[in-house]
N, C-alpha and C. Protein backbone atom coordinates (compact mmCIF):
# COMPACT_ATOMS: atom_id res chain seq x y z
N UNK A 1 -3.21 1.72 28.52
CA UNK A 1 -2.31 1.25 28.13
C UNK A 1 -1.76 1.80 26.85
N UNK A 2 -0.87 2.41 26.90
CA UNK A 2 0.22 2.96 25.22
C UNK A 2 -0.72 2.78 24.33
N UNK A 3 -0.60 3.23 23.42
CA UNK A 3 -0.55 2.87 22.03
C UNK A 3 1.16 2.53 21.39
N UNK A 4 0.81 1.60 20.38
CA UNK A 4 2.31 0.90 20.31
C UNK A 4 2.80 1.76 19.11
N UNK A 5 3.98 1.69 19.51
CA UNK A 5 4.64 2.83 18.46
C UNK A 5 4.47 2.08 16.92
N UNK A 6 4.91 1.19 16.33
CA UNK A 6 4.44 0.27 15.33
C UNK A 6 3.47 0.59 14.93
N UNK A 7 2.61 0.52 15.72
CA UNK A 7 0.81 1.39 14.49
C UNK A 7 0.68 2.88 14.63
N UNK A 8 1.59 3.59 15.47
CA UNK A 8 1.70 4.78 15.32
C UNK A 8 1.88 5.30 14.00
N UNK A 9 3.39 4.88 13.67
CA UNK A 9 4.14 4.57 12.71
C UNK A 9 3.13 4.81 11.02
N UNK A 10 2.93 3.11 11.46
CA UNK A 10 2.30 2.43 10.50
C UNK A 10 0.35 3.80 9.97
N UNK A 11 0.09 4.25 10.98
CA UNK A 11 -0.90 5.21 10.87
C UNK A 11 -0.73 5.94 10.02
N UNK A 12 0.78 6.75 10.30
CA UNK A 12 1.57 8.08 9.94
C UNK A 12 1.37 7.58 8.12
N UNK A 13 1.83 6.65 8.13
CA UNK A 13 2.40 5.74 6.42
C UNK A 13 1.00 5.94 5.92
N UNK A 14 -0.18 4.67 6.56
CA UNK A 14 -1.74 5.36 5.87
C UNK A 14 -2.15 6.52 5.51
N UNK A 15 -1.85 7.38 6.46
CA UNK A 15 -2.59 8.76 6.29
C UNK A 15 -1.86 9.47 5.04
N UNK A 16 -0.18 9.57 4.68
CA UNK A 16 0.48 9.91 3.49
C UNK A 16 0.07 9.44 2.39
N UNK A 17 -0.62 8.22 2.34
CA UNK A 17 -0.27 7.11 0.86
C UNK A 17 -2.23 7.79 0.64
N UNK A 18 -3.27 8.31 1.66
CA UNK A 18 -4.39 9.05 1.86
C UNK A 18 -5.17 7.58 1.78
N UNK A 19 -4.30 6.52 2.97
CA UNK A 19 -5.67 5.34 2.88
C UNK A 19 -6.93 5.37 3.42
N UNK A 20 -7.83 4.91 3.10
CA UNK A 20 -9.21 4.78 3.78
C UNK A 20 -8.99 3.88 4.23
N UNK A 21 -10.28 3.49 5.40
CA UNK A 21 -10.19 2.29 6.00
C UNK A 21 -11.18 1.55 4.90
N UNK A 22 -12.14 2.19 3.81
CA UNK A 22 -12.38 1.16 2.47
C UNK A 22 -11.52 0.59 1.22
N UNK A 23 -10.03 1.13 1.51
CA UNK A 23 -9.54 0.88 0.15
C UNK A 23 -8.75 0.35 0.60
N UNK A 24 -8.52 0.50 2.15
CA UNK A 24 -7.32 -1.23 3.16
C UNK A 24 -7.66 -2.66 2.60
N UNK A 25 -9.14 -1.85 3.57
CA UNK A 25 -10.13 -3.62 3.69
C UNK A 25 -10.41 -3.70 2.17
N UNK A 26 -10.32 -3.44 0.55
CA UNK A 26 -10.51 -3.95 -0.55
C UNK A 26 -9.07 -4.66 -1.47
N UNK A 27 -8.24 -3.28 -0.69
CA UNK A 27 -6.47 -3.87 -0.88
C UNK A 27 -5.63 -5.95 0.10
N UNK A 28 -6.29 -4.94 1.03
CA UNK A 28 -6.18 -6.54 2.04
C UNK A 28 -6.80 -8.14 1.16
N UNK A 29 -8.40 -7.63 0.96
CA UNK A 29 -9.22 -8.47 0.72
C UNK A 29 -8.13 -9.60 -0.87
N UNK A 30 -8.29 -8.62 -1.50
CA UNK A 30 -7.97 -8.47 -3.25
C UNK A 30 -6.50 -9.10 -2.94
N UNK A 31 -5.16 -8.75 -2.08
CA UNK A 31 -4.29 -9.51 -1.73
C UNK A 31 -4.31 -11.36 -1.58
N UNK A 32 -5.07 -11.17 -0.23
CA UNK A 32 -5.62 -12.80 0.33
C UNK A 32 -5.61 -13.11 -0.67
N UNK A 33 -6.84 -12.73 -1.55
CA UNK A 33 -7.08 -13.65 -2.02
C UNK A 33 -6.25 -14.36 -3.43
N UNK A 34 -5.46 -12.94 -3.82
CA UNK A 34 -4.93 -13.48 -4.96
C UNK A 34 -3.81 -14.96 -4.48
N UNK A 35 -3.42 -13.81 -3.31
CA UNK A 35 -1.85 -15.23 -2.12
C UNK A 35 -3.40 -16.09 -2.26
N UNK A 36 -4.35 -16.89 -1.69
CA UNK A 36 -4.83 -17.67 -1.52
C UNK A 36 -4.83 -19.04 -2.30
N UNK A 37 -4.18 -18.39 -3.97
CA UNK A 37 -4.52 -19.15 -5.08
C UNK A 37 -2.58 -19.38 -5.59
N UNK A 38 -2.16 -18.66 -4.75
CA UNK A 38 -0.73 -18.94 -4.97
C UNK A 38 -0.35 -20.23 -3.39
N UNK A 39 -0.93 -21.09 -3.26
CA UNK A 39 -0.24 -21.21 -2.25
C UNK A 39 1.19 -22.33 -2.04
N UNK A 40 2.28 -22.26 -1.45
CA UNK A 40 3.56 -23.03 -1.20
C UNK A 40 3.55 -23.82 -0.33
N UNK A 41 3.25 -25.53 -0.92
CA UNK A 41 3.00 -26.26 0.21
C UNK A 41 1.54 -26.23 0.61
N UNK A 42 1.46 -25.73 2.01
CA UNK A 42 -0.55 -25.67 2.53
C UNK A 42 0.20 -24.12 2.93
N UNK A 43 0.84 -23.45 2.65
CA UNK A 43 1.26 -21.86 3.27
C UNK A 43 1.35 -20.99 2.32
N UNK A 44 0.24 -19.98 2.33
CA UNK A 44 -0.02 -18.64 1.93
C UNK A 44 1.14 -17.88 1.92
N UNK A 45 1.57 -17.15 1.36
CA UNK A 45 2.77 -16.76 1.49
C UNK A 45 2.31 -15.28 0.46
N UNK A 46 3.18 -14.28 0.43
CA UNK A 46 3.00 -12.83 0.16
C UNK A 46 4.01 -12.25 0.08
N UNK A 47 4.64 -10.93 -0.72
CA UNK A 47 5.02 -10.14 0.01
C UNK A 47 4.24 -8.39 1.06
N UNK A 48 3.92 -8.15 1.51
CA UNK A 48 2.56 -7.46 1.50
C UNK A 48 3.33 -6.44 2.19
N UNK A 49 2.55 -5.01 1.73
CA UNK A 49 2.77 -3.42 2.09
C UNK A 49 2.30 -3.99 3.33
N UNK A 50 3.55 -2.32 3.87
CA UNK A 50 3.31 -2.61 4.91
C UNK A 50 2.36 -1.56 5.42
N UNK A 51 1.92 -0.66 5.07
CA UNK A 51 0.59 -0.28 5.20
C UNK A 51 -0.17 -0.54 5.58
N UNK A 52 -0.97 -2.01 5.12
CA UNK A 52 -1.79 -2.82 5.27
C UNK A 52 -1.79 -3.75 6.18
N UNK A 53 -1.25 -3.10 6.95
CA UNK A 53 -0.76 -4.09 8.67
C UNK A 53 -1.19 -3.13 9.79
N UNK A 54 -1.80 -4.37 10.34
CA UNK A 54 -1.85 -3.54 11.90
C UNK A 54 -1.43 -4.74 13.16
N UNK A 55 -1.18 -3.47 14.45
CA UNK A 55 -0.79 -4.48 15.19
C UNK A 55 -2.23 -4.32 16.28
N UNK A 56 -2.58 -5.67 17.11
CA UNK A 56 -3.49 -4.89 18.23
C UNK A 56 -3.22 -5.52 19.62
N UNK A 57 -3.42 -3.95 20.03
CA UNK A 57 -2.36 -3.94 20.99
C UNK A 57 -3.47 -4.20 22.46
N UNK A 58 -4.42 -4.67 22.09
CA UNK A 58 -5.61 -5.48 23.19
C UNK A 58 -4.49 -7.02 23.75
N UNK A 59 -3.08 -7.22 23.25
CA UNK A 59 -2.60 -8.13 23.38
C UNK A 59 -1.30 -8.20 23.04
N UNK A 60 -1.02 -7.35 22.69
CA UNK A 60 0.66 -7.46 22.20
C UNK A 60 1.26 -6.87 23.24
N UNK A 61 2.43 -6.84 23.10
CA UNK A 61 3.84 -6.26 24.35
C UNK A 61 3.64 -4.66 24.09
N UNK A 62 2.89 -3.33 24.50
CA UNK A 62 3.50 -2.59 24.72
C UNK A 62 4.10 -1.97 25.56
N UNK A 63 4.56 -2.26 25.93
CA UNK A 63 5.24 -1.84 27.71
C UNK A 63 6.45 -2.30 27.34
N UNK A 64 7.08 -3.65 26.57
CA UNK A 64 8.68 -3.64 26.30
C UNK A 64 9.01 -3.32 24.80
N UNK A 65 8.22 -2.55 24.07
CA UNK A 65 8.99 -2.23 22.15
C UNK A 65 10.20 -1.90 22.67
N UNK A 66 10.87 -2.05 21.62
CA UNK A 66 12.49 -1.04 21.85
C UNK A 66 12.94 -1.14 20.13
N UNK A 67 12.76 0.69 20.11
CA UNK A 67 12.63 0.76 19.50
C UNK A 67 15.41 0.66 18.86
N UNK A 68 15.68 0.41 19.83
CA UNK A 68 16.82 0.09 19.65
C UNK A 68 16.56 -1.67 19.17
N UNK A 69 16.40 -2.38 19.56
CA UNK A 69 15.83 -3.73 18.88
C UNK A 69 15.78 -3.58 17.41
N UNK A 70 15.09 -2.78 17.29
CA UNK A 70 14.38 -2.50 15.53
C UNK A 70 15.61 -2.23 15.06
N UNK A 71 16.49 -0.81 15.37
CA UNK A 71 17.32 -0.71 15.19
C UNK A 71 18.27 -1.73 14.47
N UNK A 72 18.40 -2.34 16.13
CA UNK A 72 19.71 -2.99 15.17
C UNK A 72 19.70 -4.25 14.89
N UNK A 73 17.87 -4.85 14.54
CA UNK A 73 17.49 -5.89 13.74
C UNK A 73 17.78 -5.27 12.09
N UNK A 74 17.24 -3.78 11.91
CA UNK A 74 17.10 -3.22 10.34
C UNK A 74 19.21 -2.93 10.46
N UNK A 75 19.84 -3.21 11.03
CA UNK A 75 21.08 -2.61 10.83
C UNK A 75 22.05 -3.83 10.30
N UNK A 76 21.30 -5.03 11.25
CA UNK A 76 22.23 -6.17 10.38
C UNK A 76 21.23 -7.75 9.56
N UNK A 77 20.16 -6.53 9.06
CA UNK A 77 19.18 -7.52 8.23
C UNK A 77 19.77 -8.58 7.65
N UNK A 78 19.73 -9.68 8.04
CA UNK A 78 19.73 -10.84 6.72
C UNK A 78 18.26 -11.44 5.94
N UNK A 79 18.03 -11.74 5.36
CA UNK A 79 16.58 -11.40 5.14
C UNK A 79 16.57 -13.46 5.70
N UNK A 80 17.05 -13.92 5.18
CA UNK A 80 17.54 -15.18 5.01
C UNK A 80 17.92 -16.09 6.37
N UNK A 81 17.74 -15.23 7.47
CA UNK A 81 18.06 -15.74 8.45
C UNK A 81 16.45 -15.11 9.86
N UNK A 82 15.49 -14.98 8.72
CA UNK A 82 13.86 -15.16 9.63
C UNK A 82 13.01 -15.54 8.70
N UNK A 83 12.17 -15.96 9.18
CA UNK A 83 11.17 -16.62 8.58
C UNK A 83 9.55 -15.42 8.81
N UNK A 84 9.28 -15.75 7.80
CA UNK A 84 8.26 -14.90 7.35
C UNK A 84 7.21 -14.71 8.74
N UNK A 85 7.05 -13.60 8.98
CA UNK A 85 5.90 -12.37 10.14
C UNK A 85 4.66 -13.91 9.35
N UNK A 86 4.04 -13.74 10.33
CA UNK A 86 2.88 -14.22 10.20
C UNK A 86 1.76 -13.18 10.26
N UNK A 87 0.87 -13.20 9.59
CA UNK A 87 -0.63 -12.38 9.50
C UNK A 87 -1.52 -12.36 9.05
N UNK A 88 -2.89 -12.47 10.45
CA UNK A 88 -4.36 -12.94 10.41
C UNK A 88 -5.08 -12.03 9.63
N UNK A 89 -5.55 -12.50 9.16
CA UNK A 89 -6.75 -12.21 7.67
C UNK A 89 -7.67 -11.69 8.59
N UNK A 90 -8.15 -11.13 8.69
CA UNK A 90 -9.65 -10.83 10.03
C UNK A 90 -10.17 -9.49 10.01
N UNK A 91 -11.13 -9.14 10.36
CA UNK A 91 -11.91 -8.58 10.26
C UNK A 91 -12.04 -6.95 8.96
N UNK A 92 -11.16 -7.78 8.01
CA UNK A 92 -10.82 -6.82 6.70
C UNK A 92 -9.46 -6.40 6.56
N UNK A 93 -8.19 -6.71 8.39
CA UNK A 93 -7.14 -6.11 7.92
C UNK A 93 -5.48 -7.48 7.92
N UNK A 94 -4.80 -6.82 7.95
CA UNK A 94 -3.52 -8.11 8.49
C UNK A 94 -3.55 -7.60 9.45
N UNK A 95 -3.79 -8.68 10.74
CA UNK A 95 -3.30 -8.31 12.04
C UNK A 95 -1.83 -9.45 11.87
N UNK A 96 -0.81 -8.63 12.66
CA UNK A 96 0.86 -9.42 12.89
C UNK A 96 0.70 -9.86 14.43
N UNK A 97 0.35 -10.90 15.11
CA UNK A 97 0.38 -11.34 16.21
C UNK A 97 1.57 -11.45 16.99
N UNK A 98 2.92 -11.36 15.88
CA UNK A 98 4.33 -11.20 16.51
C UNK A 98 5.01 -10.87 15.80
N UNK A 99 6.12 -9.29 15.10
CA UNK A 99 6.65 -9.51 14.60
C UNK A 99 6.84 -7.35 14.19
N UNK A 100 6.66 -6.36 15.48
CA UNK A 100 6.69 -6.26 15.36
C UNK A 100 7.68 -5.08 15.44
N UNK A 101 8.57 -6.03 16.11
CA UNK A 101 9.66 -5.45 15.78
C UNK A 101 10.58 -5.34 14.25
N UNK A 102 10.65 -6.01 13.40
CA UNK A 102 10.74 -6.51 12.08
C UNK A 102 9.81 -5.43 11.53
N UNK A 103 8.88 -5.08 11.81
CA UNK A 103 7.93 -4.79 10.37
C UNK A 103 9.08 -3.21 10.80
N UNK A 104 9.15 -2.42 12.23
CA UNK A 104 9.57 -0.93 12.61
C UNK A 104 11.44 -1.17 12.10
N UNK A 105 11.54 -2.06 11.73
CA UNK A 105 13.17 -2.46 11.48
C UNK A 105 12.74 -2.31 9.79
N UNK A 106 11.59 -2.59 9.15
CA UNK A 106 11.65 -2.47 7.54
C UNK A 106 11.05 -1.36 7.19
N UNK A 107 10.40 -0.62 7.95
CA UNK A 107 10.02 0.79 7.75
C UNK A 107 11.31 2.12 8.24
N UNK A 108 12.50 1.03 9.24
CA UNK A 108 13.86 2.21 9.48
C UNK A 108 14.78 1.77 8.12
N UNK A 109 14.64 0.30 7.48
CA UNK A 109 15.27 0.11 6.13
C UNK A 109 14.61 0.62 5.03
N UNK A 110 13.75 1.79 5.24
CA UNK A 110 12.30 2.44 3.86
C UNK A 110 12.34 1.28 2.98
N UNK A 111 11.16 0.09 3.22
CA UNK A 111 11.28 -0.31 2.74
C UNK A 111 9.69 -0.53 2.95
N UNK A 112 8.92 -0.82 1.88
CA UNK A 112 7.81 -0.91 1.66
C UNK A 112 7.39 -2.60 1.74
N UNK A 113 7.75 -3.40 1.58
CA UNK A 113 7.15 -4.82 1.24
C UNK A 113 7.42 -5.75 2.76
N UNK A 114 6.77 -6.37 3.04
CA UNK A 114 7.76 -7.04 3.97
C UNK A 114 7.04 -9.03 4.23
N UNK A 115 7.86 -9.41 3.98
CA UNK A 115 7.79 -11.18 3.19
C UNK A 115 6.70 -11.87 4.77
N UNK A 116 5.32 -12.41 4.11
CA UNK A 116 5.04 -12.52 5.39
C UNK A 116 3.60 -14.62 4.91
N UNK A 117 3.82 -14.17 5.99
CA UNK A 117 2.97 -15.96 5.83
C UNK A 117 1.34 -15.65 6.57
N UNK A 118 0.06 -15.48 4.99
CA UNK A 118 -0.84 -14.88 5.38
C UNK A 118 -1.62 -16.14 6.15
N UNK A 119 -2.61 -16.68 7.08
CA UNK A 119 -3.60 -16.81 7.65
C UNK A 119 -4.73 -16.15 7.92
N UNK A 120 -5.53 -17.01 8.38
CA UNK A 120 -7.65 -17.03 8.53
C UNK A 120 -7.86 -17.63 9.50
N UNK A 121 -7.66 -17.44 10.58
CA UNK A 121 -8.53 -17.48 12.39
C UNK A 121 -8.73 -16.43 12.88
N UNK A 122 -10.30 -16.94 14.22
CA UNK A 122 -10.20 -16.03 14.49
C UNK A 122 -9.89 -15.48 15.90
N UNK A 123 -9.65 -14.52 16.69
CA UNK A 123 -8.68 -13.52 17.65
C UNK A 123 -8.50 -14.25 18.69
N UNK A 124 -9.02 -15.99 19.11
CA UNK A 124 -8.49 -16.14 20.53
C UNK A 124 -7.23 -17.45 19.77
N UNK A 125 -7.78 -17.40 18.71
CA UNK A 125 -5.78 -18.56 17.54
C UNK A 125 -4.94 -17.42 17.57
N UNK A 126 -5.78 -16.19 17.18
CA UNK A 126 -4.27 -15.40 17.11
C UNK A 126 -3.49 -15.05 17.91
N UNK A 127 -4.30 -14.95 19.10
CA UNK A 127 -3.60 -14.42 20.43
C UNK A 127 -2.71 -15.80 20.74
N UNK A 128 -2.80 -16.83 20.50
CA UNK A 128 -2.21 -18.78 20.82
C UNK A 128 -1.06 -18.14 20.06
N UNK A 129 -1.41 -17.88 18.79
CA UNK A 129 0.12 -17.87 18.35
C UNK A 129 1.02 -16.61 18.44
N UNK A 130 0.52 -15.80 19.29
CA UNK A 130 1.18 -14.35 19.87
C UNK A 130 1.82 -15.18 21.15
N UNK A 131 1.12 -16.53 21.77
CA UNK A 131 1.55 -16.58 22.81
C UNK A 131 2.83 -18.45 22.53
N UNK A 132 2.71 -18.83 21.61
CA UNK A 132 3.49 -19.47 21.58
C UNK A 132 4.62 -20.09 20.42
N UNK A 133 4.55 -18.32 19.16
CA UNK A 133 5.63 -18.19 18.29
C UNK A 133 6.86 -17.86 19.21
N UNK A 134 8.07 -18.14 18.55
CA UNK A 134 8.96 -18.34 19.21
C UNK A 134 10.50 -17.88 17.58
N UNK A 135 10.61 -16.78 17.00
CA UNK A 135 11.00 -15.85 16.46
C UNK A 135 12.31 -15.14 16.69
N UNK A 136 13.24 -15.99 17.70
CA UNK A 136 14.18 -14.95 17.98
C UNK A 136 13.68 -13.49 18.47
N UNK A 137 12.93 -13.96 19.60
CA UNK A 137 12.52 -12.57 20.01
C UNK A 137 11.89 -12.95 21.67
N UNK A 138 12.23 -11.52 22.78
CA UNK A 138 11.99 -11.72 23.90
C UNK A 138 11.11 -13.09 24.00
N UNK A 139 11.43 -13.64 25.44
CA UNK A 139 10.76 -14.45 26.41
C UNK A 139 9.55 -13.57 26.57
N UNK A 140 8.58 -13.84 26.22
CA UNK A 140 6.99 -13.61 26.82
C UNK A 140 7.26 -13.17 28.72
N UNK A 141 7.18 -12.21 29.31
CA UNK A 141 6.94 -12.11 31.11
C UNK A 141 6.16 -12.25 31.28
N UNK A 142 5.47 -12.88 32.57
CA UNK A 142 4.25 -13.25 32.57
C UNK A 142 2.87 -12.46 32.74
N UNK A 143 3.73 -11.08 32.69
CA UNK A 143 2.59 -9.84 32.76
C UNK A 143 2.32 -9.90 30.94
N UNK A 144 2.97 -9.81 29.93
CA UNK A 144 2.93 -9.71 28.28
C UNK A 144 2.03 -11.60 28.80
N UNK A 145 1.43 -12.75 29.58
CA UNK A 145 0.97 -13.47 28.82
C UNK A 145 -0.40 -13.47 29.83
N UNK A 146 -0.32 -12.25 30.66
CA UNK A 146 -1.67 -11.97 31.34
C UNK A 146 -2.31 -11.47 30.84
N UNK A 147 -1.14 -10.12 29.89
CA UNK A 147 -2.72 -9.80 29.54
C UNK A 147 -2.90 -9.77 27.55
N UNK A 148 -2.10 -11.39 27.41
CA UNK A 148 -3.03 -11.56 25.91
C UNK A 148 -3.83 -12.35 26.85
N UNK A 149 -3.73 -13.36 27.92
CA UNK A 149 -4.45 -14.18 28.57
C UNK A 149 -6.43 -13.72 28.78
N UNK A 150 -5.53 -11.82 29.29
CA UNK A 150 -7.44 -11.00 29.74
C UNK A 150 -8.20 -11.30 28.54
N UNK A 151 -7.26 -10.49 27.28
CA UNK A 151 -7.90 -10.24 26.01
C UNK A 151 -8.45 -11.75 25.64
N UNK A 152 -8.45 -12.37 25.62
CA UNK A 152 -8.53 -13.74 24.93
C UNK A 152 -9.60 -14.85 25.95
N UNK A 153 -10.55 -13.90 27.25
CA UNK A 153 -11.10 -13.89 28.28
C UNK A 153 -10.68 -15.21 28.80
N UNK A 154 -9.08 -16.00 29.08
CA UNK A 154 -8.95 -16.92 29.85
C UNK A 154 -9.27 -16.92 30.96
N UNK A 155 -9.36 -18.11 31.68
CA UNK A 155 -10.57 -17.91 33.25
C UNK A 155 -9.34 -17.32 34.09
N UNK A 156 -8.17 -17.82 34.27
CA UNK A 156 -7.51 -17.32 35.70
C UNK A 156 -7.30 -15.54 35.38
N UNK A 157 -6.73 -15.75 34.13
CA UNK A 157 -6.95 -13.67 34.02
C UNK A 157 -8.07 -12.98 34.42
N UNK A 158 -8.93 -13.34 33.96
CA UNK A 158 -10.08 -12.57 34.00
C UNK A 158 -10.08 -12.71 35.26
N UNK A 159 -10.54 -13.98 36.38
CA UNK A 159 -10.62 -13.88 38.27
C UNK A 159 -9.62 -12.96 38.51
N UNK A 160 -8.64 -13.49 37.79
CA UNK A 160 -7.22 -12.50 38.99
C UNK A 160 -8.16 -10.77 38.54
N UNK A 161 -8.02 -10.80 37.19
CA UNK A 161 -8.49 -9.22 37.07
C UNK A 161 -9.73 -8.62 37.69
N UNK A 162 -10.72 -9.38 38.64
CA UNK A 162 -12.02 -9.08 39.09
C UNK A 162 -11.67 -9.19 40.64
N UNK A 163 -10.46 -10.21 40.99
CA UNK A 163 -9.98 -9.84 42.04
C UNK A 163 -9.47 -8.79 42.34
N UNK A 164 -8.46 -7.94 41.98
CA UNK A 164 -7.37 -6.85 42.28
C UNK A 164 -8.40 -5.91 41.86
N UNK A 165 -9.12 -5.74 41.25
CA UNK A 165 -10.48 -4.61 40.84
C UNK A 165 -11.25 -4.20 41.78
N UNK A 166 -11.70 -5.48 42.39
CA UNK A 166 -12.51 -5.07 43.80
C UNK A 166 -11.93 -5.16 44.90
N UNK A 167 -10.11 -4.69 45.04
CA UNK A 167 -9.59 -4.64 46.41
C UNK A 167 -8.90 -3.79 45.33
N UNK A 168 -8.98 -2.92 44.91
CA UNK A 168 -8.34 -1.24 44.38
C UNK A 168 -6.73 -2.05 44.26
N UNK A 169 -6.73 -3.33 43.66
CA UNK A 169 -4.77 -3.95 43.42
C UNK A 169 -4.49 -3.80 41.80
N UNK A 170 -3.65 -2.19 41.56
CA UNK A 170 -3.14 -2.45 40.46
C UNK A 170 -2.30 -4.04 39.79
N UNK A 171 -2.52 -4.63 38.28
CA UNK A 171 -1.18 -5.03 37.98
C UNK A 171 -0.68 -4.79 37.31
N UNK A 172 0.71 -4.51 37.28
CA UNK A 172 1.61 -4.00 36.64
C UNK A 172 2.57 -4.44 35.76
N UNK A 173 3.83 -4.21 35.73
CA UNK A 173 4.99 -4.92 34.72
C UNK A 173 6.45 -4.45 35.60
N UNK A 174 5.96 -3.77 36.85
CA UNK A 174 7.15 -2.90 37.72
C UNK A 174 7.50 -4.19 38.77
N UNK A 175 9.08 -4.49 38.93
CA UNK A 175 9.44 -5.99 39.73
C UNK A 175 9.22 -5.63 40.52
N UNK A 176 9.19 -4.12 41.39
CA UNK A 176 8.98 -3.67 42.81
C UNK A 176 7.63 -3.60 42.75
N UNK A 177 7.34 -4.22 44.18
CA UNK A 177 5.70 -4.14 44.34
C UNK A 177 4.94 -3.15 44.61
N UNK A 178 4.00 -2.66 44.89
CA UNK A 178 3.82 -1.71 45.94
C UNK A 178 3.22 -1.93 47.17
N UNK A 179 2.63 -1.42 47.51
CA UNK A 179 0.84 -1.25 48.55
C UNK A 179 -0.38 -1.77 47.49
N UNK A 180 -0.24 -1.15 46.49
CA UNK A 180 -0.95 -1.65 45.91
C UNK A 180 -1.13 -2.24 44.01
N UNK A 181 0.15 -3.07 44.20
CA UNK A 181 0.10 -3.03 42.86
C UNK A 181 0.53 -5.15 43.41
N UNK A 182 0.00 -5.80 41.93
CA UNK A 182 0.42 -7.03 42.75
C UNK A 182 1.97 -7.31 42.19
N UNK A 183 3.57 -7.72 42.80
CA UNK A 183 4.68 -8.50 42.37
C UNK A 183 4.25 -9.32 41.42
N UNK A 184 4.45 -10.31 41.95
CA UNK A 184 4.24 -11.91 40.77
C UNK A 184 2.80 -12.03 40.90
N UNK A 185 2.75 -11.69 39.23
CA UNK A 185 1.62 -12.68 38.41
C UNK A 185 1.96 -13.72 38.19
N UNK A 186 2.16 -14.78 38.79
CA UNK A 186 2.18 -16.12 38.46
C UNK A 186 1.99 -16.61 39.95
N UNK A 187 2.37 -15.77 41.50
CA UNK A 187 1.81 -16.24 42.55
C UNK A 187 0.57 -15.74 42.54
N UNK A 188 -0.12 -14.50 42.42
CA UNK A 188 -0.92 -14.27 42.32
C UNK A 188 -2.11 -15.00 41.50
N UNK A 189 -2.20 -15.88 40.23
CA UNK A 189 -2.72 -16.83 39.35
C UNK A 189 -3.01 -17.90 40.45
N UNK A 190 -1.76 -18.65 41.11
CA UNK A 190 -1.38 -19.56 41.66
C UNK A 190 -2.61 -19.31 43.17
N UNK A 191 -2.68 -18.30 43.09
CA UNK A 191 -3.28 -18.42 44.64
C UNK A 191 -4.75 -17.35 44.14
N UNK A 192 -5.46 -17.32 43.30
CA UNK A 192 -6.99 -16.92 43.62
C UNK A 192 -8.12 -18.11 42.89
């Protein structure tokens, strides 16, 4: 799987700022603790520096990220039209389960911060947010759901992967299947 474009750009930003893993974790922890004491209702809200955000490419869409979509968001950005992105405080980092196009749009607009709702939960709950969140984004494909389910260890996705590996069949994103590629994940799950 290819690396997410947004992570590459965020890595460049962190490198240019001279940030280390230790300083990032310290900054993330301080920001989360301060914001936790200033809740809006039951939500933790904060303006988060882009350089503190990560995209977990184990379940995120790597194949369908569109620079054109991010550019369109940047060109027509109206703050009030979007809910804040959600960021999970996990393993000393802020992970974004959905919103990488908006993060990239903020980079294109030369913004240093993005409005976010912070929360703290485990990896599996983060993936569930990715699978259920719908904030003006493209509908998840069966492949997107399969990849996220595999990362979360969901039985049907793990079983499908084992069967495919056993028979040398590749699971891909192309609409037209070859002799060694599944053409429909939905059908394959139903038949496994």
